């Protein structure tokens, strides 16, 4: 089978490789806005076209390693430079493949481990990616059903959002303010009416009352 042609795409690991930095640095560039918005989100993971990534190099203070750039391209024999994000083919991560085949991501992962699904067209930052047409052709060859509605949704460009990164911030809970507790009072047998009135008012405010007899 001929090698599928796929655009040069990069995840955080590939960007870090080209610029000789840590992966966390690439993620920091993204959070700071130095690295633009992803050109593709697949299975919640962000990917960028090569042109987008090389814009960092154009700024001058972040030189790309040319030898590493050549090595990156050599690993993608069917790769080509795509200048227009709107021309991106439909590329699926493992979650989208599961949706197209009516299975969950774990089932697709097992198929991949057992070589019961087409090899991914790309593996970026440790995650497999397939062209939609690769998945469809493979399903036809293996006589697997396709979920046509999911195929249509993906061709229309509808995607799941990116996975949240880092710690989740707990929502701020505003607790209703409570009145201060009434001051303790002592009643004798001659204060029955006042004691009853005090007890009624405290209970009406939602407080509990402990009665402690004393001599």
Protein backbone atom coordinates (compact mmCIF):
# COMPACT_ATOMS: atom_id res chain seq x y z
CA UNK A 1 0.00 0.00 0.00
CA UNK A 2 1.38 3.42 -0.99
CA UNK A 3 2.43 5.79 1.77
CA UNK A 4 -0.37 8.25 2.43
CA UNK A 5 0.44 11.91 1.94
CA UNK A 6 0.01 13.87 5.15
CA UNK A 7 0.82 17.49 6.01
CA UNK A 8 3.76 18.17 8.28
CA UNK A 9 2.23 18.54 11.74
CA UNK A 10 3.90 18.87 15.13
CA UNK A 11 2.88 18.33 18.71
CA UNK A 12 4.66 19.76 21.74
CA UNK A 13 7.30 17.02 21.68
CA UNK A 14 8.22 17.72 18.05
CA UNK A 15 8.32 21.48 18.62
CA UNK A 16 10.63 21.00 21.60
CA UNK A 17 12.83 18.74 19.46
CA UNK A 18 13.18 21.34 16.68
CA UNK A 19 14.07 24.16 19.07
CA UNK A 20 16.21 22.13 21.46
CA UNK A 21 14.08 22.97 24.48
CA UNK A 22 12.09 20.99 27.01
CA UNK A 23 8.55 19.96 26.18
CA UNK A 24 7.35 22.14 29.04
CA UNK A 25 8.89 25.14 27.28
CA UNK A 26 6.75 24.52 24.20
CA UNK A 27 3.69 24.23 26.44
CA UNK A 28 4.69 27.51 28.10
CA UNK A 29 4.95 29.21 24.69
CA UNK A 30 1.41 28.07 24.04
CA UNK A 31 0.06 29.35 27.36
CA UNK A 32 1.86 32.69 26.90
CA UNK A 33 0.49 33.11 23.38
CA UNK A 34 3.96 33.01 21.81
CA UNK A 35 2.87 29.87 19.97
CA UNK A 36 -0.37 30.44 18.11
CA UNK A 37 -3.60 28.50 18.47
CA UNK A 38 -3.39 24.87 17.28
CA UNK A 39 -4.20 24.19 13.64
CA UNK A 40 -5.69 20.84 14.65
CA UNK A 41 -7.20 19.30 17.77
CA UNK A 42 -7.40 15.49 17.65
CA UNK A 43 -8.57 13.45 20.64
CA UNK A 44 -8.17 16.59 22.72
CA UNK A 45 -4.51 17.06 21.83
CA UNK A 46 -3.14 20.14 19.98
CA UNK A 47 -1.09 20.04 16.79
CA UNK A 48 0.41 22.76 14.61
CA UNK A 49 1.30 23.00 10.93
CA UNK A 50 5.01 23.35 10.23
CA UNK A 51 4.52 26.89 8.89
CA UNK A 52 2.93 27.91 12.20
CA UNK A 53 5.79 26.43 14.20
CA UNK A 54 8.46 28.06 12.04
CA UNK A 55 6.99 31.48 12.82
CA UNK A 56 8.77 31.15 16.18
CA UNK A 57 12.04 30.93 14.27
CA UNK A 58 11.20 34.08 12.30
CA UNK A 59 11.29 36.12 15.51
CA UNK A 60 15.06 35.61 15.63
CA UNK A 61 15.61 34.73 19.27
CA UNK A 62 14.33 31.17 18.88
CA UNK A 63 16.46 29.58 16.13
CA UNK A 64 15.23 26.24 14.83
CA UNK A 65 17.80 23.47 14.55
CA UNK A 66 18.06 22.84 10.79
CA UNK A 67 19.51 19.35 11.17
CA UNK A 68 16.66 18.39 13.46
CA UNK A 69 14.15 19.91 11.04
CA UNK A 70 15.54 17.71 8.27
CA UNK A 71 15.43 14.67 10.57
CA UNK A 72 11.80 15.42 11.47
CA UNK A 73 10.81 15.63 7.80
CA UNK A 74 12.66 12.42 6.98
CA UNK A 75 10.50 10.53 9.49
CA UNK A 76 7.37 11.44 7.50
CA UNK A 77 8.03 10.13 3.96
CA UNK A 78 4.61 11.22 2.70
CA UNK A 79 4.80 14.60 4.38
CA UNK A 80 4.24 17.90 2.63
CA UNK A 81 4.14 21.56 3.66
CA UNK A 82 0.60 22.88 3.94
CA UNK A 83 0.25 26.66 4.07
CA UNK A 84 -3.51 26.96 4.55
CA UNK A 85 -5.17 25.49 7.61
CA UNK A 86 -8.48 25.34 5.74
CA UNK A 87 -6.93 22.76 3.40
CA UNK A 88 -6.18 20.32 6.22
CA UNK A 89 -7.49 16.81 5.50
CA UNK A 90 -9.66 15.21 8.15
CA UNK A 91 -7.22 13.72 10.66
CA UNK A 92 -8.38 11.56 13.55
CA UNK A 93 -6.98 10.67 16.92
CA UNK A 94 -7.84 7.43 18.66
CA UNK A 95 -11.04 8.86 20.16
CA UNK A 96 -12.40 10.00 16.80
CA UNK A 97 -11.51 6.65 15.23
CA UNK A 98 -13.55 4.98 17.97
CA UNK A 99 -16.52 7.22 17.18
CA UNK A 100 -16.32 6.41 13.46
CA UNK A 101 -16.20 2.67 14.16
CA UNK A 102 -18.76 2.71 16.96
CA UNK A 103 -16.24 1.55 19.56
CA UNK A 104 -14.44 3.14 22.48
CA UNK A 105 -10.83 4.32 22.43
CA UNK A 106 -9.70 1.31 24.47
CA UNK A 107 -11.01 -1.09 21.81
CA UNK A 108 -9.19 0.83 19.07
CA UNK A 109 -6.01 0.75 21.14
CA UNK A 110 -6.31 -3.03 21.52
CA UNK A 111 -6.84 -3.40 17.76
CA UNK A 112 -3.73 -1.33 17.17
CA UNK A 113 -1.67 -3.46 19.55
CA UNK A 114 -2.87 -6.62 17.77
CA UNK A 115 -2.39 -5.10 14.30
CA UNK A 116 -6.10 -5.35 13.58
CA UNK A 117 -6.39 -1.80 12.29
CA UNK A 118 -4.38 0.20 9.77
CA UNK A 119 -1.10 1.62 11.00
CA UNK A 120 -1.42 5.32 11.90
CA UNK A 121 -0.43 7.79 9.22
CA UNK A 122 1.37 9.84 11.87
CA UNK A 123 2.55 9.39 15.43
CA UNK A 124 3.06 12.76 17.09
CA UNK A 125 4.03 13.38 20.70
CA UNK A 126 3.36 9.70 21.33
CA UNK A 127 -0.21 9.76 19.99
CA UNK A 128 -1.38 7.97 16.81
CA UNK A 129 -3.20 9.90 14.07
CA UNK A 130 -5.04 8.58 11.03
CA UNK A 131 -6.45 10.19 7.93
CA UNK A 132 -10.20 9.67 7.83
CA UNK A 133 -9.90 7.96 4.45
CA UNK A 134 -7.36 5.51 5.88
CA UNK A 135 -9.83 4.48 8.58
CA UNK A 136 -12.71 4.17 6.10
CA UNK A 137 -10.69 2.08 3.65
CA UNK A 138 -9.46 -0.18 6.44
CA UNK A 139 -13.01 -0.66 7.76
CA UNK A 140 -14.21 -1.67 4.30
CA UNK A 141 -11.40 -4.18 3.93
CA UNK A 142 -12.15 -5.71 7.34
CA UNK A 143 -15.93 -5.54 6.77
CA UNK A 144 -16.45 -3.33 9.79
CA UNK A 145 -19.45 -1.07 10.09
CA UNK A 146 -19.02 2.69 10.03
CA UNK A 147 -21.10 5.23 11.91
CA UNK A 148 -22.04 7.43 8.97
CA UNK A 149 -23.32 10.25 11.18
CA UNK A 150 -19.92 10.51 12.89
CA UNK A 151 -18.16 10.54 9.53
CA UNK A 152 -20.37 13.44 8.44
CA UNK A 153 -19.76 15.33 11.68
CA UNK A 154 -15.99 14.99 11.36
CA UNK A 155 -16.02 16.00 7.71
CA UNK A 156 -17.96 19.07 8.76
CA UNK A 157 -15.06 19.99 11.07
CA UNK A 158 -16.76 19.42 14.42
CA UNK A 159 -14.28 18.39 17.09
CA UNK A 160 -14.10 17.79 20.82
CA UNK A 161 -12.35 20.55 22.77
CA UNK A 162 -8.78 20.27 23.98
CA UNK A 163 -8.12 18.34 27.13
CA UNK A 164 -7.63 20.57 30.17
CA UNK A 165 -4.03 20.77 31.33
CA UNK A 166 -2.63 21.18 34.83
CA UNK A 167 -4.51 21.21 38.07
CA UNK A 168 -8.17 21.91 38.13
CA UNK A 169 -9.10 24.94 40.14
CA UNK A 170 -11.79 24.17 42.65
CA UNK A 171 -14.81 26.41 42.27
CA UNK A 172 -15.15 29.10 44.89
CA UNK A 173 -17.98 28.30 47.24
CA UNK A 174 -19.68 31.26 48.84
CA UNK A 175 -21.07 30.23 52.18
CA UNK A 176 -24.06 32.08 53.51
CA UNK A 177 -23.27 34.27 56.47
CA UNK A 178 -24.76 33.22 59.78
CA UNK A 179 -25.84 35.38 62.64
CA UNK A 180 -23.74 35.20 65.78
CA UNK A 181 -25.02 32.83 68.42
CA UNK A 182 -27.29 34.35 71.03
CA UNK A 183 -25.63 34.90 74.39
CA UNK A 184 -26.18 32.22 76.99
CA UNK A 185 -28.85 32.99 79.56
CA UNK A 186 -29.81 31.48 82.89
CA UNK A 187 -33.43 31.03 83.94
CA UNK A 188 -34.95 29.99 87.23
CA UNK A 189 -38.38 28.61 88.07
CA UNK A 190 -39.71 32.13 88.26
CA UNK A 191 -38.68 32.87 84.64
CA UNK A 192 -40.71 30.22 82.83
CA UNK A 193 -42.33 32.65 80.40
CA UNK A 194 -38.99 34.31 79.50
CA UNK A 195 -37.31 30.91 79.13
CA UNK A 196 -40.04 29.70 76.76
CA UNK A 197 -39.81 32.89 74.70
CA UNK A 198 -36.00 32.61 74.46
CA UNK A 199 -36.18 28.94 73.50
CA UNK A 200 -38.77 29.64 70.79
CA UNK A 201 -36.72 32.48 69.24
CA UNK A 202 -33.49 30.45 69.19
CA UNK A 203 -35.12 27.40 67.60
CA UNK A 204 -36.83 29.62 65.01
CA UNK A 205 -33.39 30.80 63.83
CA UNK A 206 -32.28 27.22 63.18
CA UNK A 207 -30.08 26.81 66.21
CA UNK A 208 -30.12 23.80 68.51
CA UNK A 209 -30.38 24.19 72.26
CA UNK A 210 -28.74 22.22 75.06
CA UNK A 211 -30.51 22.50 78.41
CA UNK A 212 -28.13 21.95 81.29
CA UNK A 213 -29.82 21.91 84.72
CA UNK A 214 -27.87 23.47 87.58
CA UNK A 215 -28.51 23.72 91.29
